[in-house]
PDB file of N, CA and C in Angstrom:
ATOM      1  N   MET A   1       0.816  -1.197   0.000  1.00  0.00           N
ATOM      2  CA  MET A   1       0.000   0.000   0.000  1.00  0.00           C
ATOM      3  C   MET A   1       0.858   1.258   0.000  1.00  0.00           C
ATOM      4  N   ALA A   2       2.100   1.163   0.352  1.00  0.00           N
ATOM      5  CA  ALA A   2       2.956   2.328   0.481  1.00  0.00           C
ATOM      6  C   ALA A   2       3.100   3.102  -0.825  1.00  0.00           C
ATOM      7  N   ASP A   3       3.107   2.423  -1.977  1.00  0.00           N
ATOM      8  CA  ASP A   3       3.281   3.095  -3.254  1.00  0.00           C
ATOM      9  C   ASP A   3       1.956   3.362  -3.958  1.00  0.00           C
ATOM     10  N   GLY A   4       0.895   3.516  -3.235  1.00  0.00           N
ATOM     11  CA  GLY A   4      -0.395   3.787  -3.830  1.00  0.00           C
ATOM     12  C   GLY A   4      -1.070   2.537  -4.377  1.00  0.00           C
ATOM     13  N   ALA A   5      -0.474   1.371  -4.174  1.00  0.00           N
ATOM     14  CA  ALA A   5      -1.074   0.132  -4.644  1.00  0.00           C
ATOM     15  C   ALA A   5      -2.313  -0.192  -3.817  1.00  0.00           C
ATOM     16  N   THR A   6      -3.199  -0.966  -4.401  1.00  0.00           N
ATOM     17  CA  THR A   6      -4.404  -1.368  -3.694  1.00  0.00           C
ATOM     18  C   THR A   6      -4.030  -2.322  -2.570  1.00  0.00           C
ATOM     19  N   PHE A   7      -4.648  -2.144  -1.427  1.00  0.00           N
ATOM     20  CA  PHE A   7      -4.349  -2.953  -0.250  1.00  0.00           C
ATOM     21  C   PHE A   7      -5.214  -4.205  -0.277  1.00  0.00           C
ATOM     22  N   ASP A   8      -4.607  -5.358  -0.570  1.00  0.00           N
ATOM     23  CA  ASP A   8      -5.303  -6.635  -0.555  1.00  0.00           C
ATOM     24  C   ASP A   8      -5.231  -7.163   0.878  1.00  0.00           C
ATOM     25  N   PHE A   9      -6.273  -6.898   1.647  1.00  0.00           N
ATOM     26  CA  PHE A   9      -6.264  -7.150   3.085  1.00  0.00           C
ATOM     27  C   PHE A   9      -5.920  -8.597   3.418  1.00  0.00           C
ATOM     28  N   GLU A  10      -6.621  -9.533   2.837  1.00  0.00           N
ATOM     29  CA  GLU A  10      -6.414 -10.942   3.187  1.00  0.00           C
ATOM     30  C   GLU A  10      -4.991 -11.407   2.859  1.00  0.00           C
ATOM     31  N   ARG A  11      -4.489 -11.031   1.707  1.00  0.00           N
ATOM     32  CA  ARG A  11      -3.144 -11.444   1.301  1.00  0.00           C
ATOM     33  C   ARG A  11      -2.078 -10.809   2.195  1.00  0.00           C
ATOM     34  N   GLU A  12      -2.271  -9.573   2.564  1.00  0.00           N
ATOM     35  CA  GLU A  12      -1.288  -8.872   3.390  1.00  0.00           C
ATOM     36  C   GLU A  12      -1.305  -9.348   4.845  1.00  0.00           C
ATOM     37  N   ILE A  13      -2.469  -9.709   5.350  1.00  0.00           N
ATOM     38  CA  ILE A  13      -2.617 -10.080   6.754  1.00  0.00           C
ATOM     39  C   ILE A  13      -2.165 -11.516   7.020  1.00  0.00           C
ATOM     40  N   SER A  14      -2.398 -12.416   6.090  1.00  0.00           N
ATOM     41  CA  SER A  14      -2.187 -13.846   6.341  1.00  0.00           C
ATOM     42  C   SER A  14      -0.786 -14.219   6.860  1.00  0.00           C
ATOM     43  N   PRO A  15       0.318 -13.600   6.423  1.00  0.00           N
ATOM     44  CA  PRO A  15       1.618 -13.980   6.998  1.00  0.00           C
ATOM     45  C   PRO A  15       1.775 -13.620   8.473  1.00  0.00           C
ATOM     46  N   HIS A  16       0.923 -12.744   8.982  1.00  0.00           N
ATOM     47  CA  HIS A  16       1.057 -12.259  10.355  1.00  0.00           C
ATOM     48  C   HIS A  16       0.077 -12.917  11.326  1.00  0.00           C
ATOM     49  N   LEU A  17      -0.780 -13.789  10.843  1.00  0.00           N
ATOM     50  CA  LEU A  17      -1.790 -14.403  11.706  1.00  0.00           C
ATOM     51  C   LEU A  17      -1.175 -15.232  12.830  1.00  0.00           C
ATOM     52  N   GLY A  18      -0.122 -15.972  12.540  1.00  0.00           N
ATOM     53  CA  GLY A  18       0.529 -16.781  13.573  1.00  0.00           C
ATOM     54  C   GLY A  18       1.055 -15.935  14.713  1.00  0.00           C
ATOM     55  N   ALA A  19       1.696 -14.821  14.379  1.00  0.00           N
ATOM     56  CA  ALA A  19       2.226 -13.924  15.416  1.00  0.00           C
ATOM     57  C   ALA A  19       1.093 -13.295  16.216  1.00  0.00           C
ATOM     58  N   LEU A  20       0.000 -12.930  15.543  1.00  0.00           N
ATOM     59  CA  LEU A  20      -1.152 -12.362  16.254  1.00  0.00           C
ATOM     60  C   LEU A  20      -1.765 -13.381  17.208  1.00  0.00           C
ATOM     61  N   GLN A  21      -1.915 -14.609  16.745  1.00  0.00           N
ATOM     62  CA  GLN A  21      -2.499 -15.645  17.594  1.00  0.00           C
ATOM     63  C   GLN A  21      -1.600 -15.936  18.782  1.00  0.00           C
ATOM     64  N   HIS A  22      -0.297 -15.938  18.564  1.00  0.00           N
ATOM     65  CA  HIS A  22       0.636 -16.171  19.666  1.00  0.00           C
ATOM     66  C   HIS A  22       0.546 -15.053  20.714  1.00  0.00           C
ATOM     67  N   LEU A  23       0.529 -13.810  20.251  1.00  0.00           N
ATOM     68  CA  LEU A  23       0.426 -12.675  21.172  1.00  0.00           C
ATOM     69  C   LEU A  23      -0.898 -12.710  21.928  1.00  0.00           C
ATOM     70  N   ALA A  24      -1.980 -12.993  21.222  1.00  0.00           N
ATOM     71  CA  ALA A  24      -3.294 -13.048  21.874  1.00  0.00           C
ATOM     72  C   ALA A  24      -3.330 -14.163  22.917  1.00  0.00           C
ATOM     73  N   ARG A  25      -2.727 -15.280  22.610  1.00  0.00           N
ATOM     74  CA  ARG A  25      -2.701 -16.402  23.555  1.00  0.00           C
ATOM     75  C   ARG A  25      -1.901 -16.041  24.800  1.00  0.00           C
ATOM     76  N   ARG A  26      -0.789 -15.305  24.619  1.00  0.00           N
ATOM     77  CA  ARG A  26       0.013 -14.863  25.767  1.00  0.00           C
ATOM     78  C   ARG A  26      -0.765 -13.885  26.634  1.00  0.00           C
ATOM     79  N   LEU A  27      -1.526 -13.006  26.014  1.00  0.00           N
ATOM     80  CA  LEU A  27      -2.269 -12.001  26.772  1.00  0.00           C
ATOM     81  C   LEU A  27      -3.474 -12.591  27.492  1.00  0.00           C
ATOM     82  N   THR A  28      -4.141 -13.542  26.871  1.00  0.00           N
ATOM     83  CA  THR A  28      -5.389 -14.054  27.446  1.00  0.00           C
ATOM     84  C   THR A  28      -5.226 -15.352  28.216  1.00  0.00           C
ATOM     85  N   ARG A  29      -4.213 -16.127  27.873  1.00  0.00           N
ATOM     86  CA  ARG A  29      -3.974 -17.443  28.479  1.00  0.00           C
ATOM     87  C   ARG A  29      -5.165 -18.381  28.294  1.00  0.00           C
ATOM     88  N   ASN A  30      -5.873 -18.203  27.173  1.00  0.00           N
ATOM     89  CA  ASN A  30      -7.067 -18.995  26.901  1.00  0.00           C
ATOM     90  C   ASN A  30      -7.276 -19.016  25.394  1.00  0.00           C
ATOM     91  N   ARG A  31      -7.427 -20.209  24.823  1.00  0.00           N
ATOM     92  CA  ARG A  31      -7.525 -20.341  23.366  1.00  0.00           C
ATOM     93  C   ARG A  31      -8.760 -19.634  22.808  1.00  0.00           C
ATOM     94  N   GLU A  32      -9.914 -19.827  23.439  1.00  0.00           N
ATOM     95  CA  GLU A  32     -11.143 -19.229  22.918  1.00  0.00           C
ATOM     96  C   GLU A  32     -11.096 -17.702  22.989  1.00  0.00           C
ATOM     97  N   ASP A  33     -10.616 -17.185  24.109  1.00  0.00           N
ATOM     98  CA  ASP A  33     -10.501 -15.729  24.239  1.00  0.00           C
ATOM     99  C   ASP A  33      -9.487 -15.169  23.240  1.00  0.00           C
ATOM    100  N   ALA A  34      -8.412 -15.918  23.010  1.00  0.00           N
ATOM    101  CA  ALA A  34      -7.399 -15.475  22.048  1.00  0.00           C
ATOM    102  C   ALA A  34      -7.987 -15.415  20.641  1.00  0.00           C
ATOM    103  N   GLU A  35      -8.778 -16.397  20.277  1.00  0.00           N
ATOM    104  CA  GLU A  35      -9.414 -16.394  18.954  1.00  0.00           C
ATOM    105  C   GLU A  35     -10.355 -15.210  18.807  1.00  0.00           C
ATOM    106  N   ASP A  36     -11.127 -14.927  19.865  1.00  0.00           N
ATOM    107  CA  ASP A  36     -12.029 -13.767  19.835  1.00  0.00           C
ATOM    108  C   ASP A  36     -11.245 -12.469  19.703  1.00  0.00           C
ATOM    109  N   LEU A  37     -10.132 -12.384  20.406  1.00  0.00           N
ATOM    110  CA  LEU A  37      -9.304 -11.178  20.364  1.00  0.00           C
ATOM    111  C   LEU A  37      -8.700 -10.968  18.974  1.00  0.00           C
ATOM    112  N   VAL A  38      -8.220 -12.031  18.358  1.00  0.00           N
ATOM    113  CA  VAL A  38      -7.672 -11.924  17.001  1.00  0.00           C
ATOM    114  C   VAL A  38      -8.773 -11.501  16.028  1.00  0.00           C
ATOM    115  N   GLN A  39      -9.958 -12.084  16.183  1.00  0.00           N
ATOM    116  CA  GLN A  39     -11.082 -11.714  15.309  1.00  0.00           C
ATOM    117  C   GLN A  39     -11.429 -10.230  15.459  1.00  0.00           C
ATOM    118  N   SER A  40     -11.495  -9.754  16.697  1.00  0.00           N
ATOM    119  CA  SER A  40     -11.780  -8.332  16.933  1.00  0.00           C
ATOM    120  C   SER A  40     -10.694  -7.448  16.341  1.00  0.00           C
ATOM    121  N   THR A  41      -9.453  -7.899  16.446  1.00  0.00           N
ATOM    122  CA  THR A  41      -8.327  -7.151  15.891  1.00  0.00           C
ATOM    123  C   THR A  41      -8.440  -7.038  14.376  1.00  0.00           C
ATOM    124  N   LEU A  42      -8.757  -8.156  13.716  1.00  0.00           N
ATOM    125  CA  LEU A  42      -8.869  -8.141  12.261  1.00  0.00           C
ATOM    126  C   LEU A  42     -10.044  -7.287  11.799  1.00  0.00           C
ATOM    127  N   GLU A  43     -11.137  -7.326  12.548  1.00  0.00           N
ATOM    128  CA  GLU A  43     -12.288  -6.476  12.201  1.00  0.00           C
ATOM    129  C   GLU A  43     -11.914  -5.007  12.289  1.00  0.00           C
ATOM    130  N   ARG A  44     -11.240  -4.638  13.365  1.00  0.00           N
ATOM    131  CA  ARG A  44     -10.848  -3.237  13.532  1.00  0.00           C
ATOM    132  C   ARG A  44      -9.815  -2.827  12.491  1.00  0.00           C
ATOM    133  N   ALA A  45      -8.869  -3.705  12.206  1.00  0.00           N
ATOM    134  CA  ALA A  45      -7.847  -3.398  11.197  1.00  0.00           C
ATOM    135  C   ALA A  45      -8.492  -3.216   9.827  1.00  0.00           C
ATOM    136  N   TYR A  46      -9.464  -4.028   9.506  1.00  0.00           N
ATOM    137  CA  TYR A  46     -10.131  -3.899   8.207  1.00  0.00           C
ATOM    138  C   TYR A  46     -10.895  -2.577   8.113  1.00  0.00           C
ATOM    139  N   ARG A  47     -11.596  -2.221   9.194  1.00  0.00           N
ATOM    140  CA  ARG A  47     -12.342  -0.954   9.194  1.00  0.00           C
ATOM    141  C   ARG A  47     -11.426   0.247   9.017  1.00  0.00           C
ATOM    142  N   HIS A  48     -10.214   0.153   9.600  1.00  0.00           N
ATOM    143  CA  HIS A  48      -9.290   1.301   9.581  1.00  0.00           C
ATOM    144  C   HIS A  48      -8.077   1.044   8.689  1.00  0.00           C
ATOM    145  N   ARG A  49      -8.244   0.224   7.665  1.00  0.00           N
ATOM    146  CA  ARG A  49      -7.112  -0.151   6.807  1.00  0.00           C
ATOM    147  C   ARG A  49      -6.496   1.042   6.096  1.00  0.00           C
ATOM    148  N   GLY A  50      -7.206   2.124   5.958  1.00  0.00           N
ATOM    149  CA  GLY A  50      -6.653   3.320   5.328  1.00  0.00           C
ATOM    150  C   GLY A  50      -5.604   4.009   6.181  1.00  0.00           C
ATOM    151  N   ARG A  51      -5.540   3.691   7.473  1.00  0.00           N
ATOM    152  CA  ARG A  51      -4.565   4.306   8.367  1.00  0.00           C
ATOM    153  C   ARG A  51      -3.218   3.596   8.352  1.00  0.00           C
ATOM    154  N   TYR A  52      -3.184   2.366   7.814  1.00  0.00           N
ATOM    155  CA  TYR A  52      -1.944   1.589   7.783  1.00  0.00           C
ATOM    156  C   TYR A  52      -0.924   2.269   6.881  1.00  0.00           C
ATOM    157  N   ARG A  53       0.342   2.327   7.342  1.00  0.00           N
ATOM    158  CA  ARG A  53       1.384   2.964   6.544  1.00  0.00           C
ATOM    159  C   ARG A  53       2.521   2.003   6.203  1.00  0.00           C
ATOM    160  N   THR A  54       3.313   1.541   7.178  1.00  0.00           N
ATOM    161  CA  THR A  54       4.498   0.765   6.828  1.00  0.00           C
ATOM    162  C   THR A  54       4.612  -0.580   7.552  1.00  0.00           C
ATOM    163  N   ASN A  55       4.606  -0.615   8.868  1.00  0.00           N
ATOM    164  CA  ASN A  55       4.867  -1.822   9.641  1.00  0.00           C
ATOM    165  C   ASN A  55       3.555  -2.525   9.989  1.00  0.00           C
ATOM    166  N   LEU A  56       3.116  -3.411   9.119  1.00  0.00           N
ATOM    167  CA  LEU A  56       1.814  -4.059   9.295  1.00  0.00           C
ATOM    168  C   LEU A  56       1.770  -4.910  10.551  1.00  0.00           C
ATOM    169  N   ARG A  57       2.797  -5.713  10.807  1.00  0.00           N
ATOM    170  CA  ARG A  57       2.796  -6.571  12.000  1.00  0.00           C
ATOM    171  C   ARG A  57       2.737  -5.729  13.273  1.00  0.00           C
ATOM    172  N   GLY A  58       3.509  -4.671  13.324  1.00  0.00           N
ATOM    173  CA  GLY A  58       3.488  -3.794  14.496  1.00  0.00           C
ATOM    174  C   GLY A  58       2.143  -3.112  14.680  1.00  0.00           C
ATOM    175  N   TRP A  59       1.547  -2.687  13.575  1.00  0.00           N
ATOM    176  CA  TRP A  59       0.232  -2.033  13.623  1.00  0.00           C
ATOM    177  C   TRP A  59      -0.818  -3.005  14.150  1.00  0.00           C
ATOM    178  N   LEU A  60      -0.806  -4.229  13.647  1.00  0.00           N
ATOM    179  CA  LEU A  60      -1.768  -5.240  14.096  1.00  0.00           C
ATOM    180  C   LEU A  60      -1.539  -5.604  15.567  1.00  0.00           C
ATOM    181  N   ALA A  61      -0.277  -5.739  15.971  1.00  0.00           N
ATOM    182  CA  ALA A  61       0.033  -6.058  17.369  1.00  0.00           C
ATOM    183  C   ALA A  61      -0.419  -4.937  18.295  1.00  0.00           C
ATOM    184  N   THR A  62      -0.291  -3.703  17.855  1.00  0.00           N
ATOM    185  CA  THR A  62      -0.742  -2.567  18.665  1.00  0.00           C
ATOM    186  C   THR A  62      -2.255  -2.590  18.823  1.00  0.00           C
ATOM    187  N   ILE A  63      -2.964  -2.849  17.751  1.00  0.00           N
ATOM    188  CA  ILE A  63      -4.429  -2.934  17.827  1.00  0.00           C
ATOM    189  C   ILE A  63      -4.829  -4.043  18.783  1.00  0.00           C
ATOM    190  N   LEU A  64      -4.229  -5.216  18.643  1.00  0.00           N
ATOM    191  CA  LEU A  64      -4.563  -6.362  19.488  1.00  0.00           C
ATOM    192  C   LEU A  64      -4.294  -6.058  20.958  1.00  0.00           C
ATOM    193  N   THR A  65      -3.131  -5.504  21.245  1.00  0.00           N
ATOM    194  CA  THR A  65      -2.768  -5.206  22.629  1.00  0.00           C
ATOM    195  C   THR A  65      -3.707  -4.170  23.241  1.00  0.00           C
ATOM    196  N   ARG A  66      -4.023  -3.135  22.488  1.00  0.00           N
ATOM    197  CA  ARG A  66      -4.918  -2.099  23.019  1.00  0.00           C
ATOM    198  C   ARG A  66      -6.326  -2.625  23.239  1.00  0.00           C
ATOM    199  N   LEU A  67      -6.798  -3.490  22.351  1.00  0.00           N
ATOM    200  CA  LEU A  67      -8.112  -4.105  22.557  1.00  0.00           C
ATOM    201  C   LEU A  67      -8.116  -4.937  23.832  1.00  0.00           C
ATOM    202  N   ALA A  68      -7.068  -5.692  24.059  1.00  0.00           N
ATOM    203  CA  ALA A  68      -6.985  -6.524  25.250  1.00  0.00           C
ATOM    204  C   ALA A  68      -6.933  -5.680  26.519  1.00  0.00           C
ATOM    205  N   ILE A  69      -6.128  -4.643  26.508  1.00  0.00           N
ATOM    206  CA  ILE A  69      -5.969  -3.797  27.695  1.00  0.00           C
ATOM    207  C   ILE A  69      -7.234  -2.987  27.962  1.00  0.00           C
ATOM    208  N   ASP A  70      -7.818  -2.418  26.923  1.00  0.00           N
ATOM    209  CA  ASP A  70      -9.010  -1.596  27.087  1.00  0.00           C
ATOM    210  C   ASP A  70     -10.243  -2.416  27.405  1.00  0.00           C
ATOM    211  N   GLY A  71     -10.166  -3.719  27.207  1.00  0.00           N
ATOM    212  CA  GLY A  71     -11.310  -4.573  27.487  1.00  0.00           C
ATOM    213  C   GLY A  71     -12.414  -4.454  26.458  1.00  0.00           C
ATOM    214  N   GLN A  72     -12.097  -3.947  25.268  1.00  0.00           N
ATOM    215  CA  GLN A  72     -13.113  -3.817  24.227  1.00  0.00           C
ATOM    216  C   GLN A  72     -13.322  -5.120  23.489  1.00  0.00           C
ATOM    217  N   ALA A  73     -12.394  -6.039  23.637  1.00  0.00           N
ATOM    218  CA  ALA A  73     -12.562  -7.371  23.063  1.00  0.00           C
ATOM    219  C   ALA A  73     -13.218  -8.244  24.126  1.00  0.00           C
ATOM    220  N   PRO A  74     -13.784  -9.361  23.755  1.00  0.00           N
ATOM    221  CA  PRO A  74     -14.482 -10.191  24.731  1.00  0.00           C
ATOM    222  C   PRO A  74     -13.543 -10.992  25.625  1.00  0.00           C
ATOM    223  N   CYS A  75     -12.360 -10.465  25.904  1.00  0.00           N
ATOM    224  CA  CYS A  75     -11.435 -11.160  26.791  1.00  0.00           C
ATOM    225  C   CYS A  75     -10.815 -10.150  27.743  1.00  0.00           C
ATOM    226  N   SER A  76     -10.062 -10.632  28.674  1.00  0.00           N
ATOM    227  CA  SER A  76      -9.373  -9.770  29.612  1.00  0.00           C
ATOM    228  C   SER A  76      -7.922 -10.223  29.709  1.00  0.00           C
ATOM    229  N   PRO A  77      -6.958  -9.302  29.659  1.00  0.00           N
ATOM    230  CA  PRO A  77      -5.571  -9.720  29.723  1.00  0.00           C
ATOM    231  C   PRO A  77      -5.157 -10.185  31.113  1.00  0.00           C
ATOM    232  N   CYS A  78      -5.954  -9.898  32.114  1.00  0.00           N
ATOM    233  CA  CYS A  78      -5.611 -10.262  33.478  1.00  0.00           C
ATOM    234  C   CYS A  78      -6.413 -11.488  33.898  1.00  0.00           C
ATOM    235  N   PRO A  79      -5.762 -12.633  34.140  1.00  0.00           N
ATOM    236  CA  PRO A  79      -6.509 -13.832  34.495  1.00  0.00           C
ATOM    237  C   PRO A  79      -7.323 -13.657  35.773  1.00  0.00           C
ATOM    238  N   GLY A  80      -6.862 -12.815  36.687  1.00  0.00           N
ATOM    239  CA  GLY A  80      -7.610 -12.589  37.928  1.00  0.00           C
ATOM    240  C   GLY A  80      -8.972 -11.972  37.666  1.00  0.00           C
ATOM    241  N   ARG A  81      -9.036 -11.017  36.728  1.00  0.00           N
ATOM    242  CA  ARG A  81     -10.318 -10.408  36.396  1.00  0.00           C
ATOM    243  C   ARG A  81     -11.240 -11.411  35.721  1.00  0.00           C
ATOM    244  N   ARG A  82     -10.656 -12.256  34.864  1.00  0.00           N
ATOM    245  CA  ARG A  82     -11.469 -13.248  34.186  1.00  0.00           C
ATOM    246  C   ARG A  82     -12.029 -14.236  35.203  1.00  0.00           C
ATOM    247  N   LEU A  83     -11.205 -14.640  36.172  1.00  0.00           N
ATOM    248  CA  LEU A  83     -11.676 -15.552  37.212  1.00  0.00           C
ATOM    249  C   LEU A  83     -12.735 -14.894  38.082  1.00  0.00           C
ATOM    250  N   ALA A  84     -12.552 -13.611  38.372  1.00  0.00           N
ATOM    251  CA  ALA A  84     -13.521 -12.908  39.203  1.00  0.00           C
ATOM    252  C   ALA A  84     -14.875 -12.845  38.519  1.00  0.00           C
ATOM    253  N   ARG A  85     -14.868 -12.624  37.198  1.00  0.00           N
ATOM    254  CA  ARG A  85     -16.133 -12.582  36.472  1.00  0.00           C
ATOM    255  C   ARG A  85     -16.835 -13.929  36.512  1.00  0.00           C
ATOM    256  N   ARG A  86     -16.044 -14.992  36.513  1.00  0.00           N
ATOM    257  CA  ARG A  86     -16.618 -16.335  36.506  1.00  0.00           C
ATOM    258  C   ARG A  86     -16.846 -16.868  37.909  1.00  0.00           C
ATOM    259  N   GLY A  87     -16.508 -16.085  38.939  1.00  0.00           N
ATOM    260  CA  GLY A  87     -16.745 -16.505  40.311  1.00  0.00           C
ATOM    261  C   GLY A  87     -15.686 -17.440  40.853  1.00  0.00           C
ATOM    262  N   GLY A  88     -14.539 -17.529  40.209  1.00  0.00           N
ATOM    263  CA  GLY A  88     -13.528 -18.469  40.651  1.00  0.00           C
ATOM    264  C   GLY A  88     -12.308 -17.818  41.270  1.00  0.00           C
ATOM    265  N   ALA A  89     -12.324 -16.520  41.509  1.00  0.00           N
ATOM    266  CA  ALA A  89     -11.142 -15.839  42.026  1.00  0.00           C
ATOM    267  C   ALA A  89     -10.781 -16.320  43.422  1.00  0.00           C
ATOM    268  N   ALA A  90     -11.764 -16.522  44.258  1.00  0.00           N
ATOM    269  CA  ALA A  90     -11.480 -16.967  45.621  1.00  0.00           C
ATOM    270  C   ALA A  90     -10.852 -18.367  45.609  1.00  0.00           C
ATOM    271  N   ARG A  91     -11.358 -19.262  44.769  1.00  0.00           N
ATOM    272  CA  ARG A  91     -10.778 -20.607  44.683  1.00  0.00           C
ATOM    273  C   ARG A  91      -9.347 -20.540  44.164  1.00  0.00           C
ATOM    274  N   ALA A  92      -9.085 -19.677  43.193  1.00  0.00           N
ATOM    275  CA  ALA A  92      -7.749 -19.579  42.603  1.00  0.00           C
ATOM    276  C   ALA A  92      -6.740 -19.011  43.589  1.00  0.00           C
ATOM    277  N   ASN A  93      -7.175 -18.227  44.558  1.00  0.00           N
ATOM    278  CA  ASN A  93      -6.285 -17.602  45.530  1.00  0.00           C
ATOM    279  C   ASN A  93      -6.350 -18.293  46.883  1.00  0.00           C
ATOM    280  N   GLY A  94      -6.718 -19.538  46.922  1.00  0.00           N
ATOM    281  CA  GLY A  94      -6.756 -20.274  48.185  1.00  0.00           C
ATOM    282  C   GLY A  94      -7.823 -19.768  49.130  1.00  0.00           C
ATOM    283  N   GLY A  95      -8.948 -19.305  48.623  1.00  0.00           N
ATOM    284  CA  GLY A  95     -10.036 -18.829  49.472  1.00  0.00           C
ATOM    285  C   GLY A  95     -10.012 -17.337  49.724  1.00  0.00           C
ATOM    286  N   ARG A  96      -8.901 -16.673  49.382  1.00  0.00           N
ATOM    287  CA  ARG A  96      -8.818 -15.222  49.578  1.00  0.00           C
ATOM    288  C   ARG A  96      -9.400 -14.515  48.370  1.00  0.00           C
ATOM    289  N   PRO A  97     -10.058 -13.376  48.555  1.00  0.00           N
ATOM    290  CA  PRO A  97     -10.572 -12.626  47.405  1.00  0.00           C
ATOM    291  C   PRO A  97      -9.417 -12.065  46.583  1.00  0.00           C
ATOM    292  N   ALA A  98      -9.652 -11.894  45.284  1.00  0.00           N
ATOM    293  CA  ALA A  98      -8.623 -11.370  44.386  1.00  0.00           C
ATOM    294  C   ALA A  98      -8.348  -9.912  44.714  1.00  0.00           C
ATOM    295  N   ARG A  99      -7.058  -9.543  44.679  1.00  0.00           N
ATOM    296  CA  ARG A  99      -6.678  -8.147  44.887  1.00  0.00           C
ATOM    297  C   ARG A  99      -6.425  -7.498  43.553  1.00  0.00           C
ATOM    298  N   ARG A 100      -6.673  -6.194  43.505  1.00  0.00           N
ATOM    299  CA  ARG A 100      -6.327  -5.445  42.305  1.00  0.00           C
ATOM    300  C   ARG A 100      -4.826  -5.405  42.160  1.00  0.00           C
ATOM    301  N   ARG A 101      -4.388  -5.325  40.902  1.00  0.00           N
ATOM    302  CA  ARG A 101      -2.966  -5.158  40.660  1.00  0.00           C
ATOM    303  C   ARG A 101      -2.552  -3.795  41.189  1.00  0.00           C
ATOM    304  N   GLY A 102      -1.509  -3.760  41.997  1.00  0.00           N
ATOM    305  CA  GLY A 102      -1.019  -2.506  42.553  1.00  0.00           C
ATOM    306  C   GLY A 102      -1.716  -2.098  43.839  1.00  0.00           C
ATOM    307  N   ALA A 103      -2.625  -2.910  44.352  1.00  0.00           N
ATOM    308  CA  ALA A 103      -3.328  -2.561  45.590  1.00  0.00           C
ATOM    309  C   ALA A 103      -2.381  -2.720  46.773  1.00  0.00           C
ATOM    310  N   ARG A 104      -2.540  -1.874  47.763  1.00  0.00           N
ATOM    311  CA  ARG A 104      -1.700  -1.942  48.957  1.00  0.00           C
ATOM    312  C   ARG A 104      -2.164  -3.079  49.861  1.00  0.00           C
ATOM    313  N   ALA A 105      -1.204  -3.676  50.563  1.00  0.00           N
ATOM    314  CA  ALA A 105      -1.528  -4.785  51.451  1.00  0.00           C
ATOM    315  C   ALA A 105      -2.154  -4.289  52.748  1.00  0.00           C
ATOM    316  N   GLY A 106      -1.731  -3.153  53.238  1.00  0.00           N
ATOM    317  CA  GLY A 106      -2.225  -2.671  54.523  1.00  0.00           C
ATOM    318  C   GLY A 106      -2.954  -1.354  54.385  1.00  0.00           C
ATOM    319  N   PRO A 107      -3.300  -0.755  55.528  1.00  0.00           N
ATOM    320  CA  PRO A 107      -4.001   0.535  55.478  1.00  0.00           C
ATOM    321  C   PRO A 107      -3.084   1.632  54.947  1.00  0.00           C
ATOM    322  N   ARG A 108      -3.675   2.621  54.336  1.00  0.00           N
ATOM    323  CA  ARG A 108      -2.874   3.743  53.829  1.00  0.00           C
ATOM    324  C   ARG A 108      -2.355   4.583  54.978  1.00  0.00           C
ATOM    325  N   ARG A 109      -1.170   5.033  54.811  1.00  0.00           N
ATOM    326  CA  ARG A 109      -0.578   5.929  55.815  1.00  0.00           C
ATOM    327  C   ARG A 109      -0.692   7.353  55.328  1.00  0.00           C
ATOM    328  N   THR A 110      -1.002   8.239  56.219  1.00  0.00           N
ATOM    329  CA  THR A 110      -1.080   9.661  55.866  1.00  0.00           C
ATOM    330  C   THR A 110       0.045  10.393  56.539  1.00  0.00           C
ATOM    331  N   ARG A 111       0.472  11.490  55.950  1.00  0.00           N
ATOM    332  CA  ARG A 111       1.532  12.283  56.545  1.00  0.00           C
ATOM    333  C   ARG A 111       0.982  13.072  57.721  1.00  0.00           C
ATOM    334  N   SER A 112       1.762  13.122  58.754  1.00  0.00           N
ATOM    335  CA  SER A 112       1.324  13.916  59.910  1.00  0.00           C
ATOM    336  C   SER A 112       1.726  15.374  59.673  1.00  0.00           C
ATOM    337  N   THR A 113       0.941  16.279  60.159  1.00  0.00           N
ATOM    338  CA  THR A 113       1.183  17.709  59.950  1.00  0.00           C
ATOM    339  C   THR A 113       1.967  18.313  61.092  1.00  0.00           C
ATOM    340  N   ALA A 114       2.386  17.534  62.053  1.00  0.00           N
ATOM    341  CA  ALA A 114       3.086  18.056  63.241  1.00  0.00           C
ATOM    342  C   ALA A 114       4.511  18.380  63.005  1.00  0.00           C
TER     343      ALA A 114
END
C-alpha cells in the first residue's frame, strides 16, 4: 500500500496471523478468548485499513494489545479479572478474594502535619 497500490487485506494479513495468535494467547492465556481477540483485531484493522502505513505486523500487534488492555474485546488480559467474572477468584487464591494489581496490602498511611 505504500506506493499507492491497492491494499489486498487478506493477502497482506495472512503472513502475520501466527504472530497475532501467539500474542493473543500470551495475553489471554485462553484459546477461545485469544481467537475472539484476534477476530476483533482483524475487524478493527479492516475498518481502519486506510490508516496503515508501513509496519503491518506492528500495527496489528498494537491494535490487538490495546483491545486486550481496554477490554473492548471479549477477553481480559488479566486472568484474575477473568476468574472474578466467573466466580472463581477466591478458589484460585486459596479462598482469599482477588486483589487489584497494585493494591496496597495494609491501610494507607497519611503524613502527619506536626
